[in-house]
Amino acid sequence: MTARLGTALAKHLAKEALALDRSLGDPSKASPGPATVAGQPTSQGTDMPRTVLQIYAAAVCFVSVACLAIALGIIAFSTVGVLFPSLTVHPMSTMPPPPMPPMPFLDGVRGTATEPALPPKPSPEEEAKSRAQAYENAIRLEVADSKRSLLRWGIAALISGLLFLAHWKLLLRESRRPG
């Protein structure tokens, strides 16, 4: 039933395409014979999926290849992040955190705030030490984040690859089946 419906749909679409071709241009330039693509004759719908199962398998293959392409790009970036974290770390991550603003102290008797004392300005050596420590922390966190991303997207790529292979084999088996 579905094979006949698919074949009928393919024939109908071919007739519609021929009618559109004729209506757009000079009828003498329209191809009255079999359908052609780039001058080569086509097989009037036999290369098209004919069953719902074939359409499903082809759609899953298409989506899994798209997911696989995205996953491989992220895996490549994550690999660079593990091997060369200074290339992938965000520049703001390497900055030391700003000092905390002074908090006013409340007077217990009246509930009024007293003037907060400003923290002392760090010396140049302390600033350099703070920057170096912030850079080391940022690099360590970048490597850890890249490893997590590598694992997560590696699993996604594996699943996408397995889905593709299973549905590709299903598509090949169904396309070889007669009728």
Protein backbone atom coordinates (compact mmCIF):
# COMPACT_ATOMS: atom_id res chain seq x y z
CA MET A 1 0.00 0.00 0.00
CA THR A 2 2.68 2.52 1.02
CA ALA A 3 4.91 1.53 -1.92
CA ARG A 4 2.07 2.23 -4.37
CA LEU A 5 1.30 5.51 -2.61
CA GLY A 6 4.98 6.55 -2.79
CA THR A 7 5.19 5.62 -6.48
CA ALA A 8 1.98 7.50 -7.25
CA LEU A 9 3.28 10.54 -5.37
CA ALA A 10 6.59 10.43 -7.26
CA LYS A 11 4.77 10.25 -10.62
CA HIS A 12 2.49 13.11 -9.64
CA LEU A 13 5.46 15.27 -8.58
CA ALA A 14 7.26 14.49 -11.85
CA LYS A 15 4.18 15.58 -13.84
CA GLU A 16 3.89 18.78 -11.77
CA ALA A 17 7.57 19.57 -12.32
CA LEU A 18 7.18 19.05 -16.08
CA ALA A 19 4.10 21.29 -16.13
CA LEU A 20 5.97 23.97 -14.17
CA ASP A 21 8.93 23.68 -16.53
CA ARG A 22 6.62 24.20 -19.51
CA SER A 23 4.76 27.10 -17.93
CA LEU A 24 7.94 29.02 -17.05
CA GLY A 25 9.47 29.12 -20.46
CA ASP A 26 8.90 28.46 -24.09
CA PRO A 27 7.03 25.14 -24.52
CA SER A 28 9.48 24.16 -27.24
CA LYS A 29 12.34 24.34 -24.72
CA ALA A 30 10.58 22.18 -22.15
CA SER A 31 11.76 18.62 -21.99
CA PRO A 32 8.92 16.48 -23.34
CA GLY A 33 10.75 13.20 -22.78
CA PRO A 34 12.02 11.55 -19.64
CA ALA A 35 13.21 13.69 -16.75
CA THR A 36 16.85 14.75 -16.85
CA VAL A 37 19.27 16.19 -14.33
CA ALA A 38 22.25 18.03 -15.81
CA GLY A 39 21.53 16.45 -19.16
CA GLN A 40 21.61 12.89 -17.79
CA PRO A 41 18.40 10.86 -17.82
CA THR A 42 17.00 9.95 -14.43
CA SER A 43 15.05 6.88 -13.51
CA GLN A 44 11.63 8.49 -12.93
CA GLY A 45 11.53 8.17 -9.14
CA THR A 46 13.17 4.78 -8.62
CA ASP A 47 16.11 6.44 -6.81
CA MET A 48 13.73 8.14 -4.40
CA PRO A 49 12.77 6.45 -1.14
CA ARG A 50 9.55 4.56 -1.72
CA THR A 51 8.51 3.48 1.74
CA VAL A 52 7.98 5.22 5.04
CA LEU A 53 10.76 3.09 6.50
CA GLN A 54 13.20 4.31 3.84
CA ILE A 55 12.21 7.92 4.40
CA TYR A 56 12.64 7.45 8.16
CA ALA A 57 16.06 5.81 7.75
CA ALA A 58 17.23 8.54 5.36
CA ALA A 59 16.04 11.28 7.75
CA VAL A 60 17.83 9.70 10.70
CA CYS A 61 21.00 9.39 8.60
CA PHE A 62 20.78 13.06 7.65
CA VAL A 63 20.27 14.24 11.25
CA SER A 64 22.96 11.95 12.63
CA VAL A 65 25.51 13.22 10.08
CA ALA A 66 24.67 16.81 11.07
CA CYS A 67 25.08 15.95 14.78
CA LEU A 68 28.30 14.11 14.03
CA ALA A 69 29.72 17.11 12.16
CA ILE A 70 28.91 19.45 15.05
CA ALA A 71 30.31 17.01 17.62
CA LEU A 72 33.57 16.55 15.71
CA GLY A 73 34.07 20.32 15.52
CA ILE A 74 33.55 20.68 19.27
CA ILE A 75 35.80 17.67 19.92
CA ALA A 76 38.57 19.33 17.88
CA PHE A 77 38.21 22.58 19.85
CA SER A 78 38.15 20.69 23.17
CA THR A 79 41.28 18.78 22.18
CA VAL A 80 43.06 22.07 21.55
CA GLY A 81 41.78 23.24 24.96
CA VAL A 82 43.31 20.20 26.66
CA LEU A 83 46.64 20.37 24.82
CA PHE A 84 47.03 24.16 24.58
CA PRO A 85 44.71 25.75 27.17
CA SER A 86 46.25 29.20 26.85
CA LEU A 87 44.82 29.36 23.29
CA THR A 88 41.22 28.65 24.30
CA VAL A 89 40.94 30.30 27.73
CA HIS A 90 38.81 33.43 27.86
CA PRO A 91 40.97 36.51 28.59
CA MET A 92 38.70 37.70 31.40
CA SER A 93 39.13 34.36 33.18
CA THR A 94 42.81 35.09 33.73
CA MET A 95 42.17 38.33 35.62
CA PRO A 96 42.20 38.28 39.40
CA PRO A 97 38.88 39.01 41.03
CA PRO A 98 38.34 42.63 42.11
CA PRO A 99 38.69 43.38 45.80
CA MET A 100 35.51 43.26 47.83
CA PRO A 101 34.00 46.68 48.52
CA PRO A 102 34.04 47.68 52.15
CA MET A 103 30.92 46.79 54.08
CA PRO A 104 29.50 49.32 56.51
CA PHE A 105 29.23 48.24 60.11
CA LEU A 106 25.96 48.74 61.91
CA ASP A 107 25.98 50.45 65.24
CA GLY A 108 24.10 48.12 67.56
CA VAL A 109 22.47 50.84 69.64
CA ARG A 110 20.87 53.07 67.05
CA GLY A 111 21.10 50.86 63.94
CA THR A 112 23.08 53.48 62.04
CA ALA A 113 25.99 52.65 59.80
CA THR A 114 29.48 53.73 60.63
CA GLU A 115 31.89 54.77 57.91
CA PRO A 116 33.65 51.67 56.50
CA ALA A 117 37.40 51.52 56.43
CA LEU A 118 38.92 51.19 52.93
CA PRO A 119 41.10 48.11 52.41
CA PRO A 120 44.79 48.79 51.94
CA LYS A 121 46.02 48.97 48.35
CA PRO A 122 48.05 45.84 47.48
CA SER A 123 51.72 46.19 46.72
CA PRO A 124 52.99 45.53 43.16
CA GLU A 125 54.43 42.18 44.31
CA GLU A 126 51.07 41.13 45.77
CA GLU A 127 49.30 42.24 42.57
CA ALA A 128 51.71 40.22 40.42
CA LYS A 129 51.27 37.20 42.67
CA SER A 130 47.48 37.57 42.48
CA ARG A 131 47.58 37.79 38.67
CA ALA A 132 49.84 34.73 38.39
CA GLN A 133 47.60 32.73 40.70
CA ALA A 134 44.48 33.80 38.75
CA TYR A 135 46.16 32.78 35.46
CA GLU A 136 47.11 29.35 36.86
CA ASN A 137 43.57 28.82 38.15
CA ALA A 138 42.08 29.85 34.79
CA ILE A 139 44.36 27.45 32.88
CA ARG A 140 43.56 24.59 35.28
CA LEU A 141 39.82 25.25 34.97
CA GLU A 142 40.08 25.51 31.16
CA VAL A 143 41.78 22.10 30.96
CA ALA A 144 39.15 20.55 33.24
CA ASP A 145 36.30 22.12 31.24
CA SER A 146 37.86 20.97 27.95
CA LYS A 147 38.19 17.41 29.26
CA ARG A 148 34.52 17.39 30.29
CA SER A 149 33.52 18.76 26.90
CA LEU A 150 35.71 16.20 25.14
CA LEU A 151 34.05 13.36 27.05
CA ARG A 152 30.51 14.71 26.58
CA TRP A 153 30.85 15.33 22.84
CA GLY A 154 32.82 12.13 22.32
CA ILE A 155 29.83 10.20 23.66
CA ALA A 156 27.49 12.24 21.45
CA ALA A 157 29.67 11.53 18.39
CA LEU A 158 29.76 7.82 19.19
CA ILE A 159 25.98 7.65 19.51
CA SER A 160 25.49 9.67 16.30
CA GLY A 161 27.90 7.41 14.44
CA LEU A 162 26.15 4.26 15.66
CA LEU A 163 22.75 5.68 14.73
CA PHE A 164 24.04 6.57 11.28
CA LEU A 165 25.51 3.11 10.66
CA ALA A 166 22.42 1.27 11.84
CA HIS A 167 20.04 3.37 9.76
CA TRP A 168 22.33 3.39 6.73
CA LYS A 169 22.35 -0.41 6.75
CA LEU A 170 18.57 -0.37 7.13
CA LEU A 171 18.27 2.03 4.20
CA LEU A 172 20.50 -0.12 2.01
CA ARG A 173 18.61 -3.29 2.92
CA GLU A 174 15.25 -1.66 2.18
CA SER A 175 16.42 -0.16 -1.12
CA ARG A 176 17.62 -3.58 -2.33
CA ARG A 177 14.29 -5.18 -1.49
CA PRO A 178 12.17 -5.60 -4.62
CA GLY A 179 8.95 -3.74 -5.02
